[in-house]
Amino acid sequence: MNPGNEFLDFYESILFEHCTEAEIAEMESLMADWDRATYPTLATSIVKHADKHGFKNDYLKYLRKAANFNKKSAKRKDLPNNATRWNRGNQFLIERNGKIVTYGENE
């Protein structure tokens, strides 16, 4: 981490890089609905999942799409460890204990 860096960890600096203060505030608000799952920090989890699902360097879009996922018309599947997978069209969302673990789009 660079001296004077306002971010707490390496992945947080990646997550918020090139974002305005308003975008960072929105991202932090959206992140309140996320679970870090098996990752050491929430920022690590979001960066790794977003990159894996084709949203590299567009983390705000990833968070927005996950937040806007419509579970009303989605198929539900219960998974181990109190997790639930929701599928709708080519999109999916996995939650654990009411918090988002990951979001993605199947090709």
N, C-alpha and C. Protein backbone atom coordinates (compact mmCIF):
# COMPACT_ATOMS: atom_id res chain seq x y z
N MET A 1 0.85 -1.17 0.00
CA MET A 1 0.00 0.00 0.00
C MET A 1 0.89 1.23 0.00
N ASN A 2 0.50 2.23 -0.79
CA ASN A 2 1.27 3.46 -0.88
C ASN A 2 1.06 4.33 0.34
N PRO A 3 2.11 5.01 0.79
CA PRO A 3 1.92 5.92 1.93
C PRO A 3 0.85 6.97 1.60
N GLY A 4 0.01 7.26 2.55
CA GLY A 4 -1.04 8.24 2.34
C GLY A 4 -2.26 7.70 1.63
N ASN A 5 -2.23 6.43 1.26
CA ASN A 5 -3.38 5.83 0.59
C ASN A 5 -4.54 5.75 1.58
N GLU A 6 -5.69 6.26 1.16
CA GLU A 6 -6.85 6.29 2.05
C GLU A 6 -7.59 4.97 2.13
N PHE A 7 -7.23 3.99 1.28
CA PHE A 7 -7.93 2.72 1.27
C PHE A 7 -7.31 1.76 2.27
N LEU A 8 -8.14 0.87 2.78
CA LEU A 8 -7.71 -0.04 3.83
C LEU A 8 -6.88 -1.20 3.32
N ASP A 9 -7.15 -1.68 2.13
CA ASP A 9 -6.40 -2.82 1.62
C ASP A 9 -6.21 -2.72 0.11
N PHE A 10 -5.39 -3.61 -0.40
CA PHE A 10 -5.05 -3.63 -1.81
C PHE A 10 -6.29 -3.73 -2.70
N TYR A 11 -7.20 -4.64 -2.35
CA TYR A 11 -8.39 -4.84 -3.19
C TYR A 11 -9.36 -3.67 -3.09
N GLU A 12 -9.39 -3.00 -1.98
CA GLU A 12 -10.22 -1.81 -1.87
C GLU A 12 -9.69 -0.72 -2.81
N SER A 13 -8.37 -0.62 -2.94
CA SER A 13 -7.80 0.37 -3.86
C SER A 13 -8.16 0.03 -5.31
N ILE A 14 -8.19 -1.25 -5.64
CA ILE A 14 -8.61 -1.67 -6.99
C ILE A 14 -10.09 -1.35 -7.19
N LEU A 15 -10.90 -1.67 -6.21
CA LEU A 15 -12.34 -1.48 -6.29
C LEU A 15 -12.71 -0.03 -6.53
N PHE A 16 -12.05 0.88 -5.84
CA PHE A 16 -12.42 2.29 -5.90
C PHE A 16 -11.54 3.13 -6.84
N GLU A 17 -10.59 2.49 -7.51
CA GLU A 17 -9.71 3.23 -8.41
C GLU A 17 -10.52 3.94 -9.50
N HIS A 18 -10.18 5.17 -9.75
CA HIS A 18 -10.81 5.98 -10.81
C HIS A 18 -12.27 6.32 -10.52
N CYS A 19 -12.74 6.15 -9.30
CA CYS A 19 -14.12 6.47 -8.96
C CYS A 19 -14.20 7.85 -8.31
N THR A 20 -15.32 8.52 -8.55
CA THR A 20 -15.57 9.79 -7.88
C THR A 20 -16.00 9.52 -6.44
N GLU A 21 -16.03 10.55 -5.64
CA GLU A 21 -16.50 10.39 -4.26
C GLU A 21 -17.94 9.89 -4.22
N ALA A 22 -18.77 10.38 -5.14
CA ALA A 22 -20.17 9.95 -5.19
C ALA A 22 -20.26 8.47 -5.57
N GLU A 23 -19.44 8.02 -6.51
CA GLU A 23 -19.45 6.61 -6.90
C GLU A 23 -18.97 5.72 -5.75
N ILE A 24 -17.95 6.17 -5.04
CA ILE A 24 -17.46 5.40 -3.89
C ILE A 24 -18.55 5.29 -2.84
N ALA A 25 -19.24 6.40 -2.58
CA ALA A 25 -20.33 6.37 -1.60
C ALA A 25 -21.43 5.39 -2.03
N GLU A 26 -21.77 5.39 -3.33
CA GLU A 26 -22.79 4.46 -3.83
C GLU A 26 -22.31 3.02 -3.68
N MET A 27 -21.06 2.78 -4.04
CA MET A 27 -20.52 1.42 -3.93
C MET A 27 -20.52 0.94 -2.49
N GLU A 28 -20.12 1.81 -1.57
CA GLU A 28 -20.12 1.43 -0.16
C GLU A 28 -21.53 1.11 0.33
N SER A 29 -22.50 1.87 -0.15
CA SER A 29 -23.89 1.61 0.21
C SER A 29 -24.35 0.25 -0.33
N LEU A 30 -24.03 -0.03 -1.60
CA LEU A 30 -24.41 -1.31 -2.21
C LEU A 30 -23.69 -2.48 -1.53
N MET A 31 -22.45 -2.26 -1.11
CA MET A 31 -21.66 -3.32 -0.47
C MET A 31 -22.22 -3.73 0.88
N ALA A 32 -23.05 -2.90 1.47
CA ALA A 32 -23.66 -3.25 2.76
C ALA A 32 -24.53 -4.50 2.65
N ASP A 33 -24.96 -4.82 1.44
CA ASP A 33 -25.81 -6.00 1.22
C ASP A 33 -25.02 -7.24 0.81
N TRP A 34 -23.70 -7.17 0.92
CA TRP A 34 -22.83 -8.27 0.49
C TRP A 34 -22.19 -8.98 1.67
N ASP A 35 -21.82 -10.24 1.42
CA ASP A 35 -21.10 -11.08 2.37
C ASP A 35 -19.72 -11.35 1.78
N ARG A 36 -18.70 -11.32 2.59
CA ARG A 36 -17.34 -11.54 2.07
C ARG A 36 -17.07 -13.00 1.75
N ALA A 37 -17.97 -13.88 2.14
CA ALA A 37 -17.86 -15.32 1.88
C ALA A 37 -16.54 -15.84 2.44
N THR A 38 -15.75 -16.51 1.64
CA THR A 38 -14.51 -17.12 2.12
C THR A 38 -13.29 -16.19 1.96
N TYR A 39 -13.51 -14.98 1.48
CA TYR A 39 -12.40 -14.06 1.26
C TYR A 39 -12.08 -13.27 2.53
N PRO A 40 -10.84 -12.79 2.65
CA PRO A 40 -10.46 -12.06 3.87
C PRO A 40 -11.17 -10.72 4.06
N THR A 41 -11.55 -10.07 2.94
CA THR A 41 -12.26 -8.80 3.04
C THR A 41 -13.40 -8.77 2.02
N LEU A 42 -14.33 -7.89 2.26
CA LEU A 42 -15.45 -7.71 1.33
C LEU A 42 -14.96 -7.21 -0.02
N ALA A 43 -14.01 -6.28 -0.01
CA ALA A 43 -13.47 -5.75 -1.27
C ALA A 43 -12.82 -6.86 -2.09
N THR A 44 -12.09 -7.75 -1.44
CA THR A 44 -11.46 -8.88 -2.14
C THR A 44 -12.52 -9.74 -2.81
N SER A 45 -13.57 -10.05 -2.08
CA SER A 45 -14.64 -10.89 -2.61
C SER A 45 -15.29 -10.26 -3.84
N ILE A 46 -15.60 -8.98 -3.75
CA ILE A 46 -16.28 -8.32 -4.87
C ILE A 46 -15.37 -8.22 -6.09
N VAL A 47 -14.12 -7.84 -5.90
CA VAL A 47 -13.19 -7.74 -7.03
C VAL A 47 -13.01 -9.10 -7.69
N LYS A 48 -12.77 -10.14 -6.89
CA LYS A 48 -12.55 -11.49 -7.45
C LYS A 48 -13.79 -11.99 -8.20
N HIS A 49 -14.99 -11.83 -7.60
CA HIS A 49 -16.20 -12.29 -8.27
C HIS A 49 -16.51 -11.46 -9.51
N ALA A 50 -16.36 -10.16 -9.44
CA ALA A 50 -16.64 -9.30 -10.60
C ALA A 50 -15.70 -9.64 -11.75
N ASP A 51 -14.41 -9.80 -11.45
CA ASP A 51 -13.45 -10.15 -12.49
C ASP A 51 -13.80 -11.50 -13.12
N LYS A 52 -14.15 -12.46 -12.29
CA LYS A 52 -14.50 -13.80 -12.76
C LYS A 52 -15.72 -13.77 -13.68
N HIS A 53 -16.66 -12.88 -13.39
CA HIS A 53 -17.92 -12.84 -14.14
C HIS A 53 -17.96 -11.76 -15.22
N GLY A 54 -16.79 -11.25 -15.63
CA GLY A 54 -16.72 -10.36 -16.79
C GLY A 54 -16.93 -8.88 -16.51
N PHE A 55 -16.77 -8.46 -15.26
CA PHE A 55 -16.96 -7.06 -14.91
C PHE A 55 -15.66 -6.41 -14.44
N LYS A 56 -14.53 -6.90 -14.92
CA LYS A 56 -13.23 -6.36 -14.50
C LYS A 56 -13.19 -4.86 -14.77
N ASN A 57 -12.80 -4.11 -13.75
CA ASN A 57 -12.69 -2.65 -13.80
C ASN A 57 -14.02 -1.93 -13.97
N ASP A 58 -15.12 -2.62 -13.81
CA ASP A 58 -16.43 -1.98 -13.84
C ASP A 58 -17.24 -2.46 -12.63
N TYR A 59 -16.66 -2.22 -11.47
CA TYR A 59 -17.20 -2.77 -10.23
C TYR A 59 -18.51 -2.12 -9.81
N LEU A 60 -18.67 -0.85 -10.13
CA LEU A 60 -19.94 -0.20 -9.81
C LEU A 60 -21.07 -0.83 -10.61
N LYS A 61 -20.84 -1.10 -11.88
CA LYS A 61 -21.85 -1.76 -12.71
C LYS A 61 -22.19 -3.14 -12.14
N TYR A 62 -21.18 -3.87 -11.71
CA TYR A 62 -21.38 -5.19 -11.13
C TYR A 62 -22.27 -5.11 -9.88
N LEU A 63 -21.94 -4.18 -8.99
CA LEU A 63 -22.73 -4.00 -7.77
C LEU A 63 -24.16 -3.58 -8.07
N ARG A 64 -24.32 -2.70 -9.06
CA ARG A 64 -25.67 -2.25 -9.43
C ARG A 64 -26.49 -3.39 -10.00
N LYS A 65 -25.89 -4.19 -10.90
CA LYS A 65 -26.62 -5.30 -11.51
C LYS A 65 -27.05 -6.32 -10.46
N ALA A 66 -26.17 -6.60 -9.51
CA ALA A 66 -26.53 -7.53 -8.44
C ALA A 66 -27.66 -6.96 -7.59
N ALA A 67 -27.59 -5.69 -7.28
CA ALA A 67 -28.62 -5.05 -6.45
C ALA A 67 -29.97 -5.02 -7.17
N ASN A 68 -29.95 -4.95 -8.49
CA ASN A 68 -31.18 -4.86 -9.27
C ASN A 68 -31.71 -6.21 -9.74
N PHE A 69 -31.05 -7.30 -9.33
CA PHE A 69 -31.51 -8.63 -9.72
C PHE A 69 -32.92 -8.85 -9.18
N ASN A 70 -33.83 -9.27 -10.05
CA ASN A 70 -35.23 -9.46 -9.68
C ASN A 70 -35.48 -10.92 -9.26
N LYS A 71 -35.60 -11.14 -7.97
CA LYS A 71 -35.82 -12.50 -7.47
C LYS A 71 -37.27 -12.96 -7.63
N LYS A 72 -38.19 -12.03 -7.86
CA LYS A 72 -39.61 -12.38 -7.95
C LYS A 72 -39.88 -13.41 -9.06
N SER A 73 -39.21 -13.25 -10.18
CA SER A 73 -39.46 -14.17 -11.29
C SER A 73 -38.32 -15.19 -11.45
N ALA A 74 -37.47 -15.31 -10.44
CA ALA A 74 -36.32 -16.21 -10.52
C ALA A 74 -36.63 -17.57 -9.91
N LYS A 75 -35.92 -18.59 -10.40
CA LYS A 75 -36.03 -19.93 -9.81
C LYS A 75 -35.06 -20.01 -8.63
N ARG A 76 -35.53 -20.59 -7.55
CA ARG A 76 -34.75 -20.70 -6.32
C ARG A 76 -34.22 -22.11 -6.15
N LYS A 77 -32.95 -22.20 -5.73
CA LYS A 77 -32.37 -23.50 -5.40
C LYS A 77 -31.58 -23.33 -4.11
N ASP A 78 -31.93 -24.14 -3.10
CA ASP A 78 -31.21 -24.09 -1.83
C ASP A 78 -29.88 -24.83 -1.98
N LEU A 79 -28.83 -24.23 -1.45
CA LEU A 79 -27.48 -24.78 -1.50
C LEU A 79 -27.01 -25.06 -0.08
N PRO A 80 -25.89 -25.78 0.06
CA PRO A 80 -25.33 -26.02 1.40
C PRO A 80 -24.94 -24.70 2.10
N ASN A 81 -24.74 -24.76 3.38
CA ASN A 81 -24.28 -23.63 4.20
C ASN A 81 -25.23 -22.44 4.18
N ASN A 82 -26.53 -22.72 4.18
CA ASN A 82 -27.56 -21.67 4.21
C ASN A 82 -27.50 -20.73 3.01
N ALA A 83 -27.00 -21.20 1.89
CA ALA A 83 -26.92 -20.37 0.69
C ALA A 83 -28.11 -20.68 -0.23
N THR A 84 -28.47 -19.70 -1.03
CA THR A 84 -29.55 -19.84 -2.01
C THR A 84 -29.06 -19.31 -3.33
N ARG A 85 -29.32 -20.06 -4.40
CA ARG A 85 -28.99 -19.62 -5.75
C ARG A 85 -30.28 -19.26 -6.44
N TRP A 86 -30.32 -18.06 -7.02
CA TRP A 86 -31.46 -17.58 -7.79
C TRP A 86 -31.05 -17.53 -9.25
N ASN A 87 -31.87 -18.09 -10.15
CA ASN A 87 -31.60 -18.07 -11.59
C ASN A 87 -32.77 -17.41 -12.30
N ARG A 88 -32.45 -16.46 -13.16
CA ARG A 88 -33.47 -15.80 -13.99
C ARG A 88 -32.83 -15.49 -15.33
N GLY A 89 -33.34 -16.12 -16.38
CA GLY A 89 -32.75 -15.92 -17.70
C GLY A 89 -31.30 -16.37 -17.67
N ASN A 90 -30.41 -15.49 -18.11
CA ASN A 90 -28.99 -15.83 -18.11
C ASN A 90 -28.27 -15.31 -16.85
N GLN A 91 -29.02 -14.78 -15.90
CA GLN A 91 -28.43 -14.21 -14.70
C GLN A 91 -28.62 -15.12 -13.49
N PHE A 92 -27.67 -15.01 -12.55
CA PHE A 92 -27.83 -15.72 -11.28
C PHE A 92 -27.30 -14.87 -10.14
N LEU A 93 -27.82 -15.15 -8.96
CA LEU A 93 -27.41 -14.46 -7.75
C LEU A 93 -27.34 -15.51 -6.65
N ILE A 94 -26.26 -15.50 -5.89
CA ILE A 94 -26.14 -16.41 -4.75
C ILE A 94 -26.09 -15.56 -3.49
N GLU A 95 -26.94 -15.96 -2.53
CA GLU A 95 -27.02 -15.27 -1.24
C GLU A 95 -26.78 -16.26 -0.11
N ARG A 96 -26.29 -15.73 0.99
CA ARG A 96 -26.17 -16.52 2.22
C ARG A 96 -26.64 -15.63 3.37
N ASN A 97 -27.60 -16.13 4.12
CA ASN A 97 -28.13 -15.39 5.26
C ASN A 97 -28.57 -13.97 4.88
N GLY A 98 -29.20 -13.84 3.71
CA GLY A 98 -29.74 -12.57 3.27
C GLY A 98 -28.74 -11.59 2.67
N LYS A 99 -27.49 -12.02 2.54
CA LYS A 99 -26.45 -11.16 1.96
C LYS A 99 -25.97 -11.76 0.63
N ILE A 100 -25.63 -10.91 -0.33
CA ILE A 100 -25.16 -11.37 -1.63
C ILE A 100 -23.74 -11.93 -1.50
N VAL A 101 -23.53 -13.09 -2.09
CA VAL A 101 -22.20 -13.70 -2.14
C VAL A 101 -21.58 -13.48 -3.51
N THR A 102 -22.39 -13.63 -4.56
CA THR A 102 -21.90 -13.40 -5.92
C THR A 102 -23.08 -13.18 -6.87
N TYR A 103 -22.76 -12.60 -8.00
CA TYR A 103 -23.72 -12.37 -9.08
C TYR A 103 -22.99 -12.71 -10.37
N GLY A 104 -23.72 -13.19 -11.35
CA GLY A 104 -23.09 -13.48 -12.64
C GLY A 104 -24.11 -13.61 -13.75
N GLU A 105 -23.57 -13.66 -14.95
CA GLU A 105 -24.39 -13.84 -16.15
C GLU A 105 -23.82 -15.02 -16.91
N ASN A 106 -24.66 -16.02 -17.15
CA ASN A 106 -24.25 -17.18 -17.93
C ASN A 106 -24.28 -16.83 -19.40
N GLU A 107 -23.33 -17.37 -20.12
CA GLU A 107 -23.30 -17.10 -21.57
C GLU A 107 -23.97 -18.19 -22.33
